[in-house]
């Protein structure tokens, strides 16, 4: 299964795995799953880090690539088609990072691992596959 991690799930998996439910932890551990982190999540972490809103063990420029390699995760680049799809989504959510994740998971046929209830509205409307990761 191809799984796209929401930014907070990526961070929880690395720093607070107990915040993820058992199903999410099992999916992240399963070697048959392909795990992806969107470039949008890297961008979001970089911005929050520079604003002092996110603490990381290393600057994101080191932390993200190193972690992707250590966890055998893949980077999902943002392409024009993703941006166009995100711009055309219903206005359930205005966060551009989350809108890109919805567009990417839909277009790339990935399950979106999240603990953000806002994605349920997109799942109902667009049949965006998601996996609940919260308690």
N, C-alpha and C. Protein backbone atom coordinates (compact mmCIF):
# COMPACT_ATOMS: atom_id res chain seq x y z
N UNK A 1 0.84 -1.17 0.00
CA UNK A 1 0.00 0.00 0.00
C UNK A 1 0.89 1.24 0.00
N UNK A 2 0.46 2.24 -0.74
CA UNK A 2 1.17 3.52 -0.76
C UNK A 2 0.50 4.46 0.24
N UNK A 3 1.28 4.96 1.19
CA UNK A 3 0.76 5.79 2.27
C UNK A 3 1.46 7.14 2.26
N UNK A 4 0.67 8.20 2.20
CA UNK A 4 1.18 9.57 2.30
C UNK A 4 0.94 10.04 3.73
N UNK A 5 1.99 10.44 4.42
CA UNK A 5 1.86 10.87 5.81
C UNK A 5 1.55 12.35 5.89
N UNK A 6 0.53 12.68 6.67
CA UNK A 6 0.28 14.07 7.01
C UNK A 6 1.48 14.52 7.84
N UNK A 7 1.77 15.80 7.81
CA UNK A 7 2.96 16.33 8.46
C UNK A 7 3.03 15.94 9.93
N UNK A 8 1.92 16.10 10.65
CA UNK A 8 1.96 15.78 12.09
C UNK A 8 2.17 14.28 12.32
N UNK A 9 1.66 13.43 11.45
CA UNK A 9 1.88 11.99 11.60
C UNK A 9 3.35 11.64 11.40
N UNK A 10 3.98 12.29 10.44
CA UNK A 10 5.42 12.10 10.22
C UNK A 10 6.20 12.47 11.49
N UNK A 11 5.88 13.62 12.05
CA UNK A 11 6.58 14.08 13.26
C UNK A 11 6.27 13.20 14.46
N UNK A 12 5.02 12.81 14.62
CA UNK A 12 4.65 11.93 15.73
C UNK A 12 5.38 10.60 15.61
N UNK A 13 5.42 10.03 14.42
CA UNK A 13 6.07 8.74 14.20
C UNK A 13 7.52 8.78 14.66
N UNK A 14 8.16 9.90 14.44
CA UNK A 14 9.58 10.03 14.76
C UNK A 14 9.83 10.42 16.21
N UNK A 15 8.96 11.28 16.76
CA UNK A 15 9.26 11.85 18.08
C UNK A 15 8.26 11.48 19.18
N UNK A 16 7.04 11.12 18.81
CA UNK A 16 6.02 10.77 19.80
C UNK A 16 5.12 9.66 19.25
N UNK A 17 5.68 8.50 18.94
CA UNK A 17 4.88 7.45 18.30
C UNK A 17 3.66 7.01 19.11
N UNK A 18 3.70 7.23 20.40
CA UNK A 18 2.55 6.85 21.24
C UNK A 18 1.30 7.67 20.91
N UNK A 19 1.46 8.79 20.22
CA UNK A 19 0.31 9.61 19.83
C UNK A 19 -0.46 8.99 18.66
N UNK A 20 0.18 8.08 17.94
CA UNK A 20 -0.47 7.38 16.84
C UNK A 20 -1.19 6.13 17.37
N UNK A 21 -2.32 5.81 16.76
CA UNK A 21 -3.01 4.60 17.21
C UNK A 21 -2.26 3.35 16.73
N UNK A 22 -2.66 2.21 17.23
CA UNK A 22 -1.97 0.95 16.93
C UNK A 22 -1.98 0.65 15.43
N UNK A 23 -3.12 0.85 14.77
CA UNK A 23 -3.20 0.59 13.34
C UNK A 23 -2.17 1.42 12.57
N UNK A 24 -2.07 2.69 12.91
CA UNK A 24 -1.12 3.58 12.23
C UNK A 24 0.32 3.10 12.46
N UNK A 25 0.65 2.79 13.70
CA UNK A 25 2.01 2.31 13.99
C UNK A 25 2.32 1.02 13.24
N UNK A 26 1.34 0.11 13.19
CA UNK A 26 1.54 -1.15 12.46
C UNK A 26 1.75 -0.90 10.97
N UNK A 27 0.97 0.00 10.39
CA UNK A 27 1.12 0.32 8.97
C UNK A 27 2.49 0.94 8.68
N UNK A 28 2.94 1.80 9.57
CA UNK A 28 4.23 2.45 9.37
C UNK A 28 5.40 1.47 9.53
N UNK A 29 5.21 0.44 10.31
CA UNK A 29 6.26 -0.57 10.52
C UNK A 29 6.28 -1.63 9.42
N UNK A 30 5.16 -1.83 8.76
CA UNK A 30 5.03 -2.92 7.78
C UNK A 30 5.91 -2.67 6.55
N UNK A 31 6.81 -3.57 6.30
CA UNK A 31 7.78 -3.38 5.21
C UNK A 31 7.13 -3.41 3.83
N UNK A 32 5.94 -3.98 3.71
CA UNK A 32 5.30 -4.04 2.39
C UNK A 32 4.66 -2.71 1.99
N UNK A 33 4.55 -1.76 2.91
CA UNK A 33 3.97 -0.45 2.60
C UNK A 33 5.05 0.52 2.12
N UNK A 34 4.69 1.32 1.13
CA UNK A 34 5.55 2.39 0.66
C UNK A 34 5.11 3.68 1.33
N UNK A 35 6.02 4.29 2.09
CA UNK A 35 5.70 5.50 2.84
C UNK A 35 6.25 6.72 2.12
N UNK A 36 5.41 7.77 2.06
CA UNK A 36 5.76 8.99 1.34
C UNK A 36 5.59 10.21 2.24
N UNK A 37 6.46 11.17 2.05
CA UNK A 37 6.33 12.49 2.66
C UNK A 37 6.29 13.49 1.52
N UNK A 38 5.27 14.32 1.52
CA UNK A 38 5.12 15.32 0.48
C UNK A 38 6.13 16.45 0.65
N UNK A 39 6.55 17.00 -0.47
CA UNK A 39 7.38 18.21 -0.43
C UNK A 39 6.64 19.33 0.30
N UNK A 40 5.31 19.29 0.27
CA UNK A 40 4.51 20.29 1.00
C UNK A 40 4.75 20.17 2.51
N UNK A 41 4.90 18.95 3.00
CA UNK A 41 5.17 18.76 4.44
C UNK A 41 6.57 19.26 4.80
N UNK A 42 7.54 19.01 3.92
CA UNK A 42 8.89 19.52 4.16
C UNK A 42 8.87 21.05 4.18
N UNK A 43 8.14 21.63 3.28
CA UNK A 43 8.00 23.09 3.21
C UNK A 43 7.33 23.62 4.47
N UNK A 44 6.25 22.97 4.89
CA UNK A 44 5.55 23.38 6.11
C UNK A 44 6.47 23.30 7.33
N UNK A 45 7.21 22.21 7.46
CA UNK A 45 8.13 22.07 8.60
C UNK A 45 9.21 23.14 8.57
N UNK A 46 9.73 23.43 7.40
CA UNK A 46 10.77 24.43 7.26
C UNK A 46 10.28 25.81 7.69
N UNK A 47 9.08 26.17 7.27
CA UNK A 47 8.50 27.46 7.65
C UNK A 47 8.26 27.52 9.16
N UNK A 48 7.63 26.49 9.71
CA UNK A 48 7.34 26.49 11.15
C UNK A 48 8.63 26.49 11.98
N UNK A 49 9.65 25.79 11.51
CA UNK A 49 10.94 25.78 12.20
C UNK A 49 11.55 27.18 12.20
N UNK A 50 11.52 27.85 11.06
CA UNK A 50 12.12 29.19 10.97
C UNK A 50 11.37 30.22 11.80
N UNK A 51 10.07 29.98 12.04
CA UNK A 51 9.27 30.88 12.86
C UNK A 51 9.36 30.53 14.36
N UNK A 52 10.07 29.46 14.68
CA UNK A 52 10.20 29.04 16.08
C UNK A 52 8.99 28.27 16.58
N UNK A 53 8.11 27.82 15.69
CA UNK A 53 6.90 27.09 16.08
C UNK A 53 7.08 25.58 16.06
N UNK A 54 8.24 25.12 15.59
CA UNK A 54 8.51 23.69 15.51
C UNK A 54 9.93 23.43 15.97
N UNK A 55 10.06 22.55 16.94
CA UNK A 55 11.37 22.13 17.42
C UNK A 55 11.75 20.82 16.74
N UNK A 56 12.95 20.78 16.20
CA UNK A 56 13.48 19.57 15.57
C UNK A 56 14.89 19.33 16.10
N UNK A 57 15.35 18.09 16.08
CA UNK A 57 16.70 17.81 16.56
C UNK A 57 17.79 18.46 15.71
N UNK A 58 17.49 18.69 14.43
CA UNK A 58 18.40 19.35 13.50
C UNK A 58 17.58 20.27 12.61
N UNK A 59 18.21 21.23 11.94
CA UNK A 59 17.45 22.05 11.00
C UNK A 59 16.77 21.16 9.95
N UNK A 60 15.61 21.57 9.45
CA UNK A 60 14.86 20.73 8.51
C UNK A 60 15.66 20.33 7.27
N UNK A 61 16.58 21.18 6.85
CA UNK A 61 17.39 20.86 5.67
C UNK A 61 18.24 19.61 5.90
N UNK A 62 18.57 19.32 7.15
CA UNK A 62 19.29 18.09 7.51
C UNK A 62 18.33 17.01 7.98
N UNK A 63 17.40 17.41 8.83
CA UNK A 63 16.49 16.46 9.47
C UNK A 63 15.63 15.69 8.48
N UNK A 64 15.00 16.37 7.55
CA UNK A 64 14.05 15.71 6.64
C UNK A 64 14.76 14.71 5.72
N UNK A 65 15.78 15.11 4.96
CA UNK A 65 16.43 14.11 4.09
C UNK A 65 17.04 12.93 4.86
N UNK A 66 17.65 13.23 6.00
CA UNK A 66 18.25 12.17 6.81
C UNK A 66 17.18 11.19 7.29
N UNK A 67 16.06 11.72 7.75
CA UNK A 67 14.98 10.88 8.25
C UNK A 67 14.36 10.05 7.14
N UNK A 68 14.15 10.66 5.98
CA UNK A 68 13.61 9.89 4.86
C UNK A 68 14.51 8.70 4.53
N UNK A 69 15.79 8.93 4.51
CA UNK A 69 16.73 7.85 4.22
C UNK A 69 16.71 6.78 5.32
N UNK A 70 16.76 7.21 6.57
CA UNK A 70 16.76 6.26 7.70
C UNK A 70 15.49 5.43 7.76
N UNK A 71 14.36 6.02 7.42
CA UNK A 71 13.06 5.35 7.51
C UNK A 71 12.65 4.68 6.20
N UNK A 72 13.52 4.74 5.20
CA UNK A 72 13.21 4.19 3.86
C UNK A 72 11.91 4.77 3.31
N UNK A 73 11.74 6.06 3.51
CA UNK A 73 10.57 6.77 3.01
C UNK A 73 10.94 7.48 1.71
N UNK A 74 9.91 7.75 0.93
CA UNK A 74 10.11 8.43 -0.35
C UNK A 74 9.54 9.84 -0.28
N UNK A 75 10.16 10.72 -1.04
CA UNK A 75 9.67 12.09 -1.14
C UNK A 75 8.68 12.16 -2.30
N UNK A 76 7.58 12.86 -2.08
CA UNK A 76 6.59 13.07 -3.14
C UNK A 76 6.65 14.53 -3.54
N UNK A 77 7.14 14.77 -4.74
CA UNK A 77 7.28 16.13 -5.24
C UNK A 77 5.92 16.72 -5.57
N UNK A 78 5.84 18.03 -5.59
CA UNK A 78 4.62 18.73 -5.98
C UNK A 78 4.72 19.05 -7.47
N UNK A 79 3.76 18.57 -8.22
CA UNK A 79 3.71 18.81 -9.66
C UNK A 79 2.56 19.75 -9.98
N UNK A 80 2.59 20.31 -11.17
CA UNK A 80 1.56 21.25 -11.59
C UNK A 80 0.16 20.66 -11.44
N UNK A 81 0.00 19.43 -11.79
CA UNK A 81 -1.33 18.80 -11.69
C UNK A 81 -1.81 18.76 -10.24
N UNK A 82 -0.89 18.57 -9.29
CA UNK A 82 -1.25 18.58 -7.87
C UNK A 82 -1.74 19.97 -7.46
N UNK A 83 -1.00 20.98 -7.90
CA UNK A 83 -1.36 22.36 -7.55
C UNK A 83 -2.72 22.74 -8.14
N UNK A 84 -2.96 22.34 -9.37
CA UNK A 84 -4.24 22.66 -10.00
C UNK A 84 -5.40 21.94 -9.31
N UNK A 85 -5.18 20.69 -8.95
CA UNK A 85 -6.21 19.92 -8.24
C UNK A 85 -6.48 20.55 -6.87
N UNK A 86 -5.43 20.94 -6.15
CA UNK A 86 -5.59 21.56 -4.83
C UNK A 86 -6.39 22.85 -4.93
N UNK A 87 -6.12 23.64 -5.97
CA UNK A 87 -6.84 24.90 -6.15
C UNK A 87 -8.30 24.72 -6.47
N UNK A 88 -8.65 23.57 -7.02
CA UNK A 88 -10.04 23.31 -7.38
C UNK A 88 -10.84 22.55 -6.33
N UNK A 89 -10.23 22.26 -5.20
CA UNK A 89 -10.94 21.53 -4.14
C UNK A 89 -12.01 22.41 -3.49
N UNK A 90 -13.05 21.78 -2.95
CA UNK A 90 -14.03 22.55 -2.18
C UNK A 90 -13.36 23.25 -1.00
N UNK A 91 -13.94 24.32 -0.56
CA UNK A 91 -13.36 25.17 0.50
C UNK A 91 -13.60 24.63 1.91
N UNK A 92 -13.46 23.33 2.10
CA UNK A 92 -13.57 22.78 3.45
C UNK A 92 -12.41 23.23 4.31
N UNK A 93 -11.28 23.43 3.67
CA UNK A 93 -10.05 23.72 4.39
C UNK A 93 -9.26 24.74 3.57
N UNK A 94 -8.72 25.74 4.23
CA UNK A 94 -7.99 26.78 3.52
C UNK A 94 -6.48 26.60 3.60
N UNK A 95 -6.01 25.68 4.44
CA UNK A 95 -4.58 25.45 4.60
C UNK A 95 -4.00 24.89 3.30
N UNK A 96 -3.11 25.64 2.64
CA UNK A 96 -2.58 25.18 1.35
C UNK A 96 -1.78 23.88 1.44
N UNK A 97 -1.11 23.66 2.56
CA UNK A 97 -0.34 22.43 2.71
C UNK A 97 -1.27 21.22 2.75
N UNK A 98 -2.33 21.32 3.52
CA UNK A 98 -3.28 20.22 3.62
C UNK A 98 -4.03 20.00 2.31
N UNK A 99 -4.33 21.07 1.62
CA UNK A 99 -5.01 20.94 0.33
C UNK A 99 -4.13 20.21 -0.69
N UNK A 100 -2.84 20.49 -0.66
CA UNK A 100 -1.92 19.76 -1.55
C UNK A 100 -1.90 18.28 -1.19
N UNK A 101 -1.88 17.97 0.11
CA UNK A 101 -1.88 16.56 0.53
C UNK A 101 -3.13 15.83 0.03
N UNK A 102 -4.27 16.49 0.12
CA UNK A 102 -5.52 15.89 -0.37
C UNK A 102 -5.41 15.64 -1.88
N UNK A 103 -4.95 16.65 -2.60
CA UNK A 103 -4.81 16.51 -4.05
C UNK A 103 -3.82 15.40 -4.41
N UNK A 104 -2.69 15.37 -3.74
CA UNK A 104 -1.69 14.36 -4.03
C UNK A 104 -2.20 12.95 -3.73
N UNK A 105 -2.83 12.79 -2.58
CA UNK A 105 -3.31 11.44 -2.23
C UNK A 105 -4.37 10.98 -3.22
N UNK A 106 -5.21 11.89 -3.65
CA UNK A 106 -6.25 11.53 -4.61
C UNK A 106 -5.66 11.19 -5.98
N UNK A 107 -4.83 12.07 -6.51
CA UNK A 107 -4.28 11.85 -7.85
C UNK A 107 -3.28 10.69 -7.92
N UNK A 108 -2.53 10.49 -6.85
CA UNK A 108 -1.51 9.44 -6.83
C UNK A 108 -2.04 8.12 -6.27
N UNK A 109 -3.33 8.09 -5.94
CA UNK A 109 -3.97 6.87 -5.42
C UNK A 109 -3.27 6.35 -4.17
N UNK A 110 -3.05 7.27 -3.22
CA UNK A 110 -2.40 6.93 -1.96
C UNK A 110 -3.39 7.05 -0.82
N UNK A 111 -3.18 6.27 0.21
CA UNK A 111 -3.92 6.44 1.45
C UNK A 111 -3.26 7.59 2.19
N UNK A 112 -4.05 8.47 2.76
CA UNK A 112 -3.52 9.60 3.53
C UNK A 112 -3.63 9.26 5.00
N UNK A 113 -2.50 9.18 5.69
CA UNK A 113 -2.48 8.89 7.12
C UNK A 113 -2.54 10.21 7.88
N UNK A 114 -3.62 10.40 8.64
CA UNK A 114 -3.82 11.68 9.30
C UNK A 114 -4.59 11.51 10.61
N UNK A 115 -4.46 12.51 11.47
CA UNK A 115 -5.27 12.61 12.69
C UNK A 115 -6.00 13.94 12.68
N UNK A 116 -6.23 14.49 11.50
CA UNK A 116 -6.92 15.76 11.32
C UNK A 116 -8.31 15.46 10.76
N UNK A 117 -9.34 15.73 11.54
CA UNK A 117 -10.72 15.41 11.15
C UNK A 117 -11.20 16.18 9.92
N UNK A 118 -10.54 17.28 9.58
CA UNK A 118 -10.96 18.06 8.42
C UNK A 118 -10.91 17.22 7.15
N UNK A 119 -10.01 16.25 7.09
CA UNK A 119 -9.87 15.43 5.89
C UNK A 119 -11.08 14.54 5.66
N UNK A 120 -11.85 14.27 6.71
CA UNK A 120 -13.05 13.46 6.54
C UNK A 120 -14.03 14.12 5.58
N UNK A 121 -14.09 15.45 5.59
CA UNK A 121 -14.98 16.15 4.67
C UNK A 121 -14.56 15.91 3.22
N UNK A 122 -13.29 15.91 2.97
CA UNK A 122 -12.80 15.63 1.61
C UNK A 122 -13.03 14.17 1.25
N UNK A 123 -12.85 13.28 2.20
CA UNK A 123 -13.04 11.86 1.92
C UNK A 123 -14.48 11.60 1.51
N UNK A 124 -15.42 12.20 2.18
CA UNK A 124 -16.83 12.01 1.83
C UNK A 124 -17.15 12.61 0.47
N UNK A 125 -16.58 13.76 0.19
CA UNK A 125 -16.89 14.46 -1.05
C UNK A 125 -16.14 13.91 -2.26
N UNK A 126 -14.88 13.58 -2.10
CA UNK A 126 -14.04 13.19 -3.23
C UNK A 126 -13.59 11.73 -3.20
N UNK A 127 -14.02 10.99 -2.22
CA UNK A 127 -13.56 9.61 -2.04
C UNK A 127 -12.05 9.54 -1.89
N UNK A 128 -11.47 10.54 -1.24
CA UNK A 128 -10.04 10.53 -0.96
C UNK A 128 -9.80 9.49 0.13
N UNK A 129 -8.98 8.50 -0.16
CA UNK A 129 -8.75 7.47 0.86
C UNK A 129 -7.90 8.04 2.00
N UNK A 130 -8.34 7.81 3.21
CA UNK A 130 -7.53 8.22 4.36
C UNK A 130 -7.58 7.15 5.42
N UNK A 131 -6.60 7.19 6.28
CA UNK A 131 -6.50 6.26 7.41
C UNK A 131 -6.41 7.10 8.65
N UNK A 132 -7.28 6.85 9.61
CA UNK A 132 -7.27 7.61 10.86
C UNK A 132 -6.10 7.14 11.71
N UNK A 133 -5.28 8.08 12.14
CA UNK A 133 -4.07 7.78 12.90
C UNK A 133 -4.16 8.20 14.36
N UNK A 134 -5.21 8.94 14.70
CA UNK A 134 -5.33 9.46 16.06
C UNK A 134 -5.87 8.42 17.03
N UNK A 135 -5.88 8.79 18.29
CA UNK A 135 -6.37 7.86 19.32
C UNK A 135 -7.84 7.56 19.17
